[in-house]
Structures are given as C-alpha cells and as structure tokens.
C-alpha cells in the first residue's frame, strides 16, 4: 500500500491530508490541492469524487504545484493507489464497441497508436494482465485514463468522453 500527502497550498504548505489507500471523496479533508508528495506507490488522482473526471498518474516524488502533474486546476476529489503488477502486461484493443472489428494485442508501450493500429480510436478493450494508461494524444500527452484488468465494452467505461486514444503505456516501476 502506498502513501501520498496532499497539501492545500503550493510548495507543501497549508492544511494537509495523508492518504494510505484509495479515497473516493477527498472533499471532506481538503478544499483544494495545490501540491502533494508521493512517498510510496503509484497513484491516480481524479478531479471528481468516486474516481471520475480528469485523471492524473503520479509516481514517487514531490509535486510542488498541481501543474507539475499536468493538472488543469487545483481540484483533486478522489485518488487510488495502483497495485504493482509483477510479470507481463497484455491487452487487446478493438476498433468498435463490444470487442468488434479490427483487434490489436499489446504487450508493451505504444507511443503512437495510429502507427501500429490503423485507427486513432479505441472503442473497447480487454486487459488480461497489468495496469495501463490511455493517453488522448500521441507520445503520452493529453488526458489520461487508468485501464485496470477487465473488460471495457465501450470507451465511457474507462471514463472517457471520446474513443480517441493517441498512445498507451504500461504501468511499471520503470515508468518515467
């Protein structure tokens, strides 16, 4: 289990809250979040309660300003620690919803999806092993979505408003 400390002000000042696991609603502990320290583990922060809204992946380190984690604002309302996966990563992405159409299996990072998969959109996916992050744009930029083991029959099931996926990255200890 990881540990993260949220601070209301930049540079680790002001009221703070320590979290040792997932928290579906941080609002009762913090009004806003301008900085944080990830003391251990890997974390996904969410802009809204119950693990919804914009998502931000963080690994161990100090983030003195929310812009350092590519945050759009100082609103963090929920968080979850991501269990480390030992072993290979495997995922299938599909051209259409309900696992229909062209399929591609991934076992490693894909910095520019349309170079490997004829399409820019992923409408459904099946994660067999490991945790992954979908990025809206190529080369790991834009909105992020945590994809954990399981079936996702439609893109809204991973929290996206669109099927656009520009790049895909495995969550590993080597992730930079």
C-alpha atoms as a PDB file:
ATOM      1  CA  UNK A   1       0.000   0.000   0.000  1.00  0.00           C
ATOM      2  CA  UNK A   2       1.329   3.438  -0.931  1.00  0.00           C
ATOM      3  CA  UNK A   3       1.325   6.789   0.824  1.00  0.00           C
ATOM      4  CA  UNK A   4       0.513  10.224  -0.571  1.00  0.00           C
ATOM      5  CA  UNK A   5       0.238  13.583   1.206  1.00  0.00           C
ATOM      6  CA  UNK A   6      -1.973  16.310  -0.252  1.00  0.00           C
ATOM      7  CA  UNK A   7      -1.451  19.994   0.589  1.00  0.00           C
ATOM      8  CA  UNK A   8      -3.931  22.807   0.061  1.00  0.00           C
ATOM      9  CA  UNK A   9      -1.230  25.327  -0.839  1.00  0.00           C
ATOM     10  CA  UNK A  10       1.703  25.257  -3.256  1.00  0.00           C
ATOM     11  CA  UNK A  11       5.156  24.178  -2.063  1.00  0.00           C
ATOM     12  CA  UNK A  12       3.738  21.795   0.569  1.00  0.00           C
ATOM     13  CA  UNK A  13       2.147  24.465   2.771  1.00  0.00           C
ATOM     14  CA  UNK A  14      -1.217  24.830   4.407  1.00  0.00           C
ATOM     15  CA  UNK A  15      -3.637  22.208   5.567  1.00  0.00           C
ATOM     16  CA  UNK A  16      -2.620  18.666   4.542  1.00  0.00           C
ATOM     17  CA  UNK A  17      -4.085  15.193   4.394  1.00  0.00           C
ATOM     18  CA  UNK A  18      -2.187  11.868   4.374  1.00  0.00           C
ATOM     19  CA  UNK A  19      -3.699   9.004   2.438  1.00  0.00           C
ATOM     20  CA  UNK A  20      -2.599   5.353   2.612  1.00  0.00           C
ATOM     21  CA  UNK A  21      -5.046   3.862   0.131  1.00  0.00           C
ATOM     22  CA  UNK A  22      -7.864   4.744  -2.180  1.00  0.00           C
ATOM     23  CA  UNK A  23     -10.210   7.536  -1.131  1.00  0.00           C
ATOM     24  CA  UNK A  24     -13.449   8.062  -3.084  1.00  0.00           C
ATOM     25  CA  UNK A  25     -14.081  11.545  -1.641  1.00  0.00           C
ATOM     26  CA  UNK A  26     -11.262  13.839  -0.502  1.00  0.00           C
ATOM     27  CA  UNK A  27     -13.518  16.914  -0.256  1.00  0.00           C
ATOM     28  CA  UNK A  28     -14.218  16.368   3.438  1.00  0.00           C
ATOM     29  CA  UNK A  29     -10.431  16.524   4.081  1.00  0.00           C
ATOM     30  CA  UNK A  30      -9.310  19.230   1.622  1.00  0.00           C
ATOM     31  CA  UNK A  31     -10.955  22.173  -0.121  1.00  0.00           C
ATOM     32  CA  UNK A  32      -8.392  22.112  -2.953  1.00  0.00           C
ATOM     33  CA  UNK A  33      -4.976  20.626  -3.703  1.00  0.00           C
ATOM     34  CA  UNK A  34      -2.043  22.687  -4.953  1.00  0.00           C
ATOM     35  CA  UNK A  35       0.824  20.311  -4.115  1.00  0.00           C
ATOM     36  CA  UNK A  36       1.485  16.759  -2.994  1.00  0.00           C
ATOM     37  CA  UNK A  37       4.208  14.307  -2.063  1.00  0.00           C
ATOM     38  CA  UNK A  38       4.041  10.694  -3.186  1.00  0.00           C
ATOM     39  CA  UNK A  39       6.080   8.953  -0.522  1.00  0.00           C
ATOM     40  CA  UNK A  40       5.468   5.471  -1.895  1.00  0.00           C
ATOM     41  CA  UNK A  41       3.498   3.660  -4.511  1.00  0.00           C
ATOM     42  CA  UNK A  42       1.853   4.646  -7.752  1.00  0.00           C
ATOM     43  CA  UNK A  43      -1.289   6.791  -7.718  1.00  0.00           C
ATOM     44  CA  UNK A  44      -4.085   8.009  -9.929  1.00  0.00           C
ATOM     45  CA  UNK A  45      -5.697  11.291  -8.893  1.00  0.00           C
ATOM     46  CA  UNK A  46      -9.191  12.214 -10.059  1.00  0.00           C
ATOM     47  CA  UNK A  47     -10.766  15.622 -10.485  1.00  0.00           C
ATOM     48  CA  UNK A  48     -14.151  14.463  -9.154  1.00  0.00           C
ATOM     49  CA  UNK A  49     -15.372  12.172  -6.362  1.00  0.00           C
ATOM     50  CA  UNK A  50     -15.780   8.435  -6.882  1.00  0.00           C
ATOM     51  CA  UNK A  51     -12.840   8.152  -9.282  1.00  0.00           C
ATOM     52  CA  UNK A  52     -14.331  10.256 -12.083  1.00  0.00           C
ATOM     53  CA  UNK A  53     -13.309  13.288 -14.095  1.00  0.00           C
ATOM     54  CA  UNK A  54      -9.836  14.120 -15.336  1.00  0.00           C
ATOM     55  CA  UNK A  55      -7.189  11.630 -14.195  1.00  0.00           C
ATOM     56  CA  UNK A  56      -3.536  12.214 -13.323  1.00  0.00           C
ATOM     57  CA  UNK A  57      -0.941   9.480 -12.869  1.00  0.00           C
ATOM     58  CA  UNK A  58       1.727  10.104 -10.193  1.00  0.00           C
ATOM     59  CA  UNK A  59       4.722   8.079  -9.087  1.00  0.00           C
ATOM     60  CA  UNK A  60       7.050   8.638  -6.109  1.00  0.00           C
ATOM     61  CA  UNK A  61       8.238  12.215  -5.912  1.00  0.00           C
ATOM     62  CA  UNK A  62       7.378  15.753  -4.878  1.00  0.00           C
ATOM     63  CA  UNK A  63       4.946  17.893  -6.851  1.00  0.00           C
ATOM     64  CA  UNK A  64       5.184  21.467  -5.534  1.00  0.00           C
ATOM     65  CA  UNK A  65       2.467  22.728  -7.893  1.00  0.00           C
ATOM     66  CA  UNK A  66      -0.503  20.939  -9.474  1.00  0.00           C
ATOM     67  CA  UNK A  67       0.782  21.934 -12.926  1.00  0.00           C
ATOM     68  CA  UNK A  68       3.729  19.542 -12.385  1.00  0.00           C
ATOM     69  CA  UNK A  69       1.316  16.609 -12.632  1.00  0.00           C
ATOM     70  CA  UNK A  70      -0.317  18.255 -15.675  1.00  0.00           C
ATOM     71  CA  UNK A  71      -3.371  19.249 -13.653  1.00  0.00           C
ATOM     72  CA  UNK A  72      -5.892  21.595 -15.240  1.00  0.00           C
ATOM     73  CA  UNK A  73      -6.769  23.120 -11.852  1.00  0.00           C
ATOM     74  CA  UNK A  74      -6.313  22.578  -8.117  1.00  0.00           C
ATOM     75  CA  UNK A  75      -9.282  20.234  -7.807  1.00  0.00           C
ATOM     76  CA  UNK A  76      -8.499  16.698  -6.613  1.00  0.00           C
ATOM     77  CA  UNK A  77     -11.568  14.932  -5.222  1.00  0.00           C
ATOM     78  CA  UNK A  78     -10.547  11.252  -5.168  1.00  0.00           C
ATOM     79  CA  UNK A  79      -7.483   9.071  -5.504  1.00  0.00           C
ATOM     80  CA  UNK A  80      -6.499   5.444  -5.692  1.00  0.00           C
ATOM     81  CA  UNK A  81      -3.230   3.606  -5.284  1.00  0.00           C
ATOM     82  CA  UNK A  82      -2.348   1.321  -8.172  1.00  0.00           C
ATOM     83  CA  UNK A  83      -1.137  -2.163  -7.234  1.00  0.00           C
ATOM     84  CA  UNK A  84       2.169  -3.134  -8.789  1.00  0.00           C
ATOM     85  CA  UNK A  85       1.931  -5.915 -11.307  1.00  0.00           C
ATOM     86  CA  UNK A  86       4.736  -8.464 -11.493  1.00  0.00           C
ATOM     87  CA  UNK A  87       5.003 -10.182 -14.832  1.00  0.00           C
ATOM     88  CA  UNK A  88       3.985  -9.474 -18.390  1.00  0.00           C
ATOM     89  CA  UNK A  89       1.360  -6.973 -19.490  1.00  0.00           C
ATOM     90  CA  UNK A  90      -1.320  -7.961 -22.036  1.00  0.00           C
ATOM     91  CA  UNK A  91      -4.188  -6.013 -23.527  1.00  0.00           C
ATOM     92  CA  UNK A  92      -6.403  -6.207 -26.612  1.00  0.00           C
ATOM     93  CA  UNK A  93      -7.814  -3.032 -28.169  1.00  0.00           C
ATOM     94  CA  UNK A  94     -10.708  -3.052 -30.628  1.00  0.00           C
ATOM     95  CA  UNK A  95     -11.843  -0.812 -33.447  1.00  0.00           C
ATOM     96  CA  UNK A  96     -15.521  -0.995 -32.378  1.00  0.00           C
ATOM     97  CA  UNK A  97     -17.583  -1.316 -29.206  1.00  0.00           C
ATOM     98  CA  UNK A  98     -18.377  -4.759 -27.779  1.00  0.00           C
ATOM     99  CA  UNK A  99     -14.976  -6.157 -28.899  1.00  0.00           C
ATOM    100  CA  UNK A 100     -15.882  -5.935 -32.589  1.00  0.00           C
ATOM    101  CA  UNK A 101     -13.842  -5.002 -35.643  1.00  0.00           C
ATOM    102  CA  UNK A 102     -10.090  -4.934 -36.034  1.00  0.00           C
ATOM    103  CA  UNK A 103      -8.164  -6.042 -32.923  1.00  0.00           C
ATOM    104  CA  UNK A 104      -4.578  -5.499 -31.840  1.00  0.00           C
ATOM    105  CA  UNK A 105      -2.867  -7.167 -28.875  1.00  0.00           C
ATOM    106  CA  UNK A 106      -0.349  -5.108 -26.884  1.00  0.00           C
ATOM    107  CA  UNK A 107       2.353  -6.350 -24.533  1.00  0.00           C
ATOM    108  CA  UNK A 108       4.455  -3.166 -24.402  1.00  0.00           C
ATOM    109  CA  UNK A 109       4.142   0.616 -24.647  1.00  0.00           C
ATOM    110  CA  UNK A 110       2.741   2.213 -27.786  1.00  0.00           C
ATOM    111  CA  UNK A 111       3.825   5.864 -28.135  1.00  0.00           C
ATOM    112  CA  UNK A 112       1.832   6.496 -31.323  1.00  0.00           C
ATOM    113  CA  UNK A 113      -1.176   4.217 -31.642  1.00  0.00           C
ATOM    114  CA  UNK A 114      -2.177   5.031 -35.224  1.00  0.00           C
ATOM    115  CA  UNK A 115       1.245   3.892 -36.491  1.00  0.00           C
ATOM    116  CA  UNK A 116       0.579   0.370 -35.158  1.00  0.00           C
ATOM    117  CA  UNK A 117      -3.205   0.239 -35.187  1.00  0.00           C
ATOM    118  CA  UNK A 118      -4.725   1.615 -38.350  1.00  0.00           C
ATOM    119  CA  UNK A 119      -7.192   3.724 -36.346  1.00  0.00           C
ATOM    120  CA  UNK A 120      -6.955   6.605 -33.852  1.00  0.00           C
ATOM    121  CA  UNK A 121      -9.952   5.382 -31.888  1.00  0.00           C
ATOM    122  CA  UNK A 122     -10.350   2.543 -29.411  1.00  0.00           C
ATOM    123  CA  UNK A 123     -13.972   1.737 -28.698  1.00  0.00           C
ATOM    124  CA  UNK A 124     -13.418  -1.288 -26.454  1.00  0.00           C
ATOM    125  CA  UNK A 125     -10.586  -3.206 -24.818  1.00  0.00           C
ATOM    126  CA  UNK A 126      -9.810  -6.259 -22.757  1.00  0.00           C
ATOM    127  CA  UNK A 127      -6.987  -6.092 -20.219  1.00  0.00           C
ATOM    128  CA  UNK A 128      -5.687  -9.546 -19.355  1.00  0.00           C
ATOM    129  CA  UNK A 129      -2.578  -8.574 -17.351  1.00  0.00           C
ATOM    130  CA  UNK A 130      -1.245  -5.427 -15.735  1.00  0.00           C
ATOM    131  CA  UNK A 131      -2.420  -1.838 -15.468  1.00  0.00           C
ATOM    132  CA  UNK A 132      -2.209   0.596 -18.385  1.00  0.00           C
ATOM    133  CA  UNK A 133      -2.738   4.280 -19.131  1.00  0.00           C
ATOM    134  CA  UNK A 134      -4.514   5.518 -22.246  1.00  0.00           C
ATOM    135  CA  UNK A 135      -3.430   8.993 -23.361  1.00  0.00           C
ATOM    136  CA  UNK A 136      -5.588  11.160 -25.578  1.00  0.00           C
ATOM    137  CA  UNK A 137      -2.655  12.216 -27.793  1.00  0.00           C
ATOM    138  CA  UNK A 138       0.477  10.528 -29.167  1.00  0.00           C
ATOM    139  CA  UNK A 139       3.680  10.413 -27.131  1.00  0.00           C
ATOM    140  CA  UNK A 140       1.915  10.240 -23.770  1.00  0.00           C
ATOM    141  CA  UNK A 141       0.228  13.641 -23.773  1.00  0.00           C
ATOM    142  CA  UNK A 142      -3.264  14.858 -23.029  1.00  0.00           C
ATOM    143  CA  UNK A 143      -5.983  13.367 -20.892  1.00  0.00           C
ATOM    144  CA  UNK A 144      -5.073  10.139 -19.098  1.00  0.00           C
ATOM    145  CA  UNK A 145      -7.203   7.110 -18.254  1.00  0.00           C
ATOM    146  CA  UNK A 146      -6.286   4.268 -15.925  1.00  0.00           C
ATOM    147  CA  UNK A 147      -7.098   0.918 -17.503  1.00  0.00           C
ATOM    148  CA  UNK A 148      -7.068  -1.951 -14.993  1.00  0.00           C
ATOM    149  CA  UNK A 149      -7.598  -5.662 -15.677  1.00  0.00           C
ATOM    150  CA  UNK A 150     -11.064  -6.363 -17.013  1.00  0.00           C
ATOM    151  CA  UNK A 151     -13.413  -5.819 -19.930  1.00  0.00           C
ATOM    152  CA  UNK A 152     -14.337  -2.377 -21.237  1.00  0.00           C
ATOM    153  CA  UNK A 153     -17.152  -2.761 -23.772  1.00  0.00           C
ATOM    154  CA  UNK A 154     -17.332   0.979 -24.552  1.00  0.00           C
ATOM    155  CA  UNK A 155     -14.918   3.883 -24.072  1.00  0.00           C
ATOM    156  CA  UNK A 156     -17.092   5.620 -21.463  1.00  0.00           C
ATOM    157  CA  UNK A 157     -16.443   2.637 -19.143  1.00  0.00           C
ATOM    158  CA  UNK A 158     -12.849   3.857 -18.662  1.00  0.00           C
ATOM    159  CA  UNK A 159     -14.089   7.413 -18.062  1.00  0.00           C
ATOM    160  CA  UNK A 160     -13.545   8.971 -21.467  1.00  0.00           C
ATOM    161  CA  UNK A 161     -15.990  11.152 -23.381  1.00  0.00           C
ATOM    162  CA  UNK A 162     -14.420  10.056 -26.679  1.00  0.00           C
ATOM    163  CA  UNK A 163     -12.817   6.958 -28.193  1.00  0.00           C
ATOM    164  CA  UNK A 164      -9.689   8.937 -29.143  1.00  0.00           C
ATOM    165  CA  UNK A 165      -6.514   7.196 -27.912  1.00  0.00           C
ATOM    166  CA  UNK A 166      -3.170   8.535 -29.131  1.00  0.00           C
ATOM    167  CA  UNK A 167      -0.796   6.430 -27.026  1.00  0.00           C
ATOM    168  CA  UNK A 168      -0.804   3.611 -24.484  1.00  0.00           C
ATOM    169  CA  UNK A 169       1.672   2.951 -21.675  1.00  0.00           C
ATOM    170  CA  UNK A 170       2.119   0.056 -19.242  1.00  0.00           C
ATOM    171  CA  UNK A 171       2.338   0.956 -15.564  1.00  0.00           C
ATOM    172  CA  UNK A 172       5.637  -0.439 -14.321  1.00  0.00           C
ATOM    173  CA  UNK A 173       8.267   0.597 -11.813  1.00  0.00           C
ATOM    174  CA  UNK A 174      10.397   1.783 -14.759  1.00  0.00           C
ATOM    175  CA  UNK A 175       7.722   4.223 -15.993  1.00  0.00           C
ATOM    176  CA  UNK A 176       9.145   7.709 -16.490  1.00  0.00           C
END
